[in-house]
Amino acid sequence: MQKTFLYLFAGTGISFLLNYFLLGSQGWELDLYYGFAFGLAWATAYFLDDEKFSLPEKLIYSFLAMAVLILLGLLLFTFELAVPSIIKFSMVFVAYYVLASFKRTKSLRR
């Protein structure tokens, strides 16, 4: 669980810094929100990368994380600004499992 929080904060921080300083800022609040989407996706994928979770459980937890992300985005920003966070979340989440699929163990944890 500690590594999950590490991935959340590291992913958020790195993504925020890249968006804010290198890729053109849309305002620090929005960059931080998109960074949080990246960090949440990486942390969620890492957390669910365990044999104790069945595929339906992984789907439910990932959709719950996306729901929390979109609700947070709708509270803070407009719908048009909140939707790209789901796209970022989905891309990172899928990328994690694509990378894991190349390993013999099918997990990035091992």
Protein backbone atom coordinates (compact mmCIF):
# COMPACT_ATOMS: atom_id res chain seq x y z
CA MET A 1 0.00 0.00 0.00
CA GLN A 2 2.92 2.35 0.68
CA LYS A 3 4.22 1.90 -2.86
CA THR A 4 0.75 2.70 -4.17
CA PHE A 5 0.85 6.10 -2.46
CA LEU A 6 4.41 6.58 -3.69
CA TYR A 7 3.22 6.02 -7.28
CA LEU A 8 0.29 8.38 -6.71
CA PHE A 9 2.43 11.24 -5.44
CA ALA A 10 5.38 10.63 -7.77
CA GLY A 11 3.14 10.32 -10.82
CA THR A 12 1.21 13.44 -9.87
CA GLY A 13 4.37 15.43 -9.24
CA ILE A 14 6.23 14.35 -12.36
CA SER A 15 3.24 14.83 -14.63
CA PHE A 16 2.48 18.23 -13.10
CA LEU A 17 6.06 19.42 -13.55
CA LEU A 18 6.17 18.22 -17.16
CA ASN A 19 2.84 19.84 -18.02
CA TYR A 20 3.56 23.07 -16.19
CA PHE A 21 7.13 23.73 -17.28
CA LEU A 22 7.67 21.86 -20.55
CA LEU A 23 4.41 21.20 -22.37
CA GLY A 24 2.71 24.54 -21.94
CA SER A 25 0.67 25.35 -18.92
CA GLN A 26 -3.10 25.76 -18.92
CA GLY A 27 -2.97 27.11 -15.39
CA TRP A 28 -1.40 25.42 -12.41
CA GLU A 29 -4.75 24.16 -11.08
CA LEU A 30 -5.62 22.31 -14.28
CA ASP A 31 -2.08 21.00 -14.66
CA LEU A 32 -2.21 19.69 -11.11
CA TYR A 33 -5.58 18.03 -11.80
CA TYR A 34 -4.25 16.34 -14.95
CA GLY A 35 -1.15 15.31 -13.03
CA PHE A 36 -3.38 13.81 -10.37
CA ALA A 37 -5.20 11.84 -13.10
CA PHE A 38 -1.85 10.43 -14.23
CA GLY A 39 -0.74 9.58 -10.70
CA LEU A 40 -4.10 8.06 -9.78
CA ALA A 41 -4.04 5.87 -12.88
CA TRP A 42 -0.55 4.58 -12.20
CA ALA A 43 -1.30 3.97 -8.51
CA THR A 44 -4.61 2.25 -9.27
CA ALA A 45 -3.01 0.00 -11.88
CA TYR A 46 -0.19 -0.90 -9.50
CA PHE A 47 -2.61 -1.57 -6.64
CA LEU A 48 -4.81 -3.81 -8.79
CA ASP A 49 -1.81 -5.69 -10.21
CA ASP A 50 -2.32 -8.48 -7.72
CA GLU A 51 -3.65 -11.99 -8.03
CA LYS A 52 -6.09 -11.45 -5.17
CA PHE A 53 -8.26 -9.27 -7.43
CA SER A 54 -10.44 -10.92 -10.05
CA LEU A 55 -11.04 -9.26 -13.40
CA PRO A 56 -14.52 -7.99 -12.43
CA GLU A 57 -13.10 -6.49 -9.24
CA LYS A 58 -10.35 -4.76 -11.22
CA LEU A 59 -12.95 -3.29 -13.57
CA ILE A 60 -15.14 -2.07 -10.72
CA TYR A 61 -12.25 -0.45 -8.85
CA SER A 62 -10.90 1.22 -11.98
CA PHE A 63 -14.35 2.60 -12.85
CA LEU A 64 -14.73 3.86 -9.28
CA ALA A 65 -11.39 5.67 -9.56
CA MET A 66 -12.52 7.22 -12.85
CA ALA A 67 -15.84 8.26 -11.27
CA VAL A 68 -14.02 9.98 -8.41
CA LEU A 69 -11.74 11.68 -10.91
CA ILE A 70 -14.59 12.97 -13.07
CA LEU A 71 -16.61 14.12 -10.05
CA LEU A 72 -13.61 16.04 -8.75
CA GLY A 73 -13.12 17.54 -12.20
CA LEU A 74 -16.77 18.56 -12.48
CA LEU A 75 -16.62 20.23 -9.07
CA LEU A 76 -13.51 22.22 -9.92
CA PHE A 77 -13.71 22.76 -13.69
CA THR A 78 -16.10 22.57 -16.62
CA PHE A 79 -17.12 19.35 -18.30
CA GLU A 80 -14.84 20.06 -21.27
CA LEU A 81 -11.82 20.36 -18.99
CA ALA A 82 -12.72 17.34 -16.84
CA VAL A 83 -13.11 14.82 -19.67
CA PRO A 84 -9.43 14.80 -20.80
CA SER A 85 -8.49 13.55 -17.34
CA ILE A 86 -10.43 10.35 -18.01
CA ILE A 87 -8.60 9.94 -21.31
CA LYS A 88 -5.25 10.40 -19.55
CA PHE A 89 -6.30 7.98 -16.81
CA SER A 90 -7.36 5.35 -19.34
CA MET A 91 -4.19 5.67 -21.41
CA VAL A 92 -1.90 5.26 -18.41
CA PHE A 93 -3.98 2.44 -16.95
CA VAL A 94 -3.93 0.50 -20.24
CA ALA A 95 -0.23 1.24 -20.80
CA TYR A 96 0.58 -0.30 -17.42
CA TYR A 97 -1.11 -3.57 -18.38
CA VAL A 98 0.35 -3.55 -21.89
CA LEU A 99 3.82 -3.31 -20.38
CA ALA A 100 2.93 -6.07 -17.94
CA SER A 101 1.72 -8.31 -20.75
CA PHE A 102 5.26 -8.48 -22.16
CA LYS A 103 6.60 -10.02 -18.97
CA ARG A 104 6.43 -13.73 -18.40
CA THR A 105 4.67 -13.26 -15.04
CA LYS A 106 2.14 -10.79 -16.59
CA SER A 107 2.76 -8.43 -13.68
CA LEU A 108 5.02 -5.44 -13.20
CA ARG A 109 5.17 -6.10 -9.46
CA ARG A 110 7.37 -9.14 -9.86
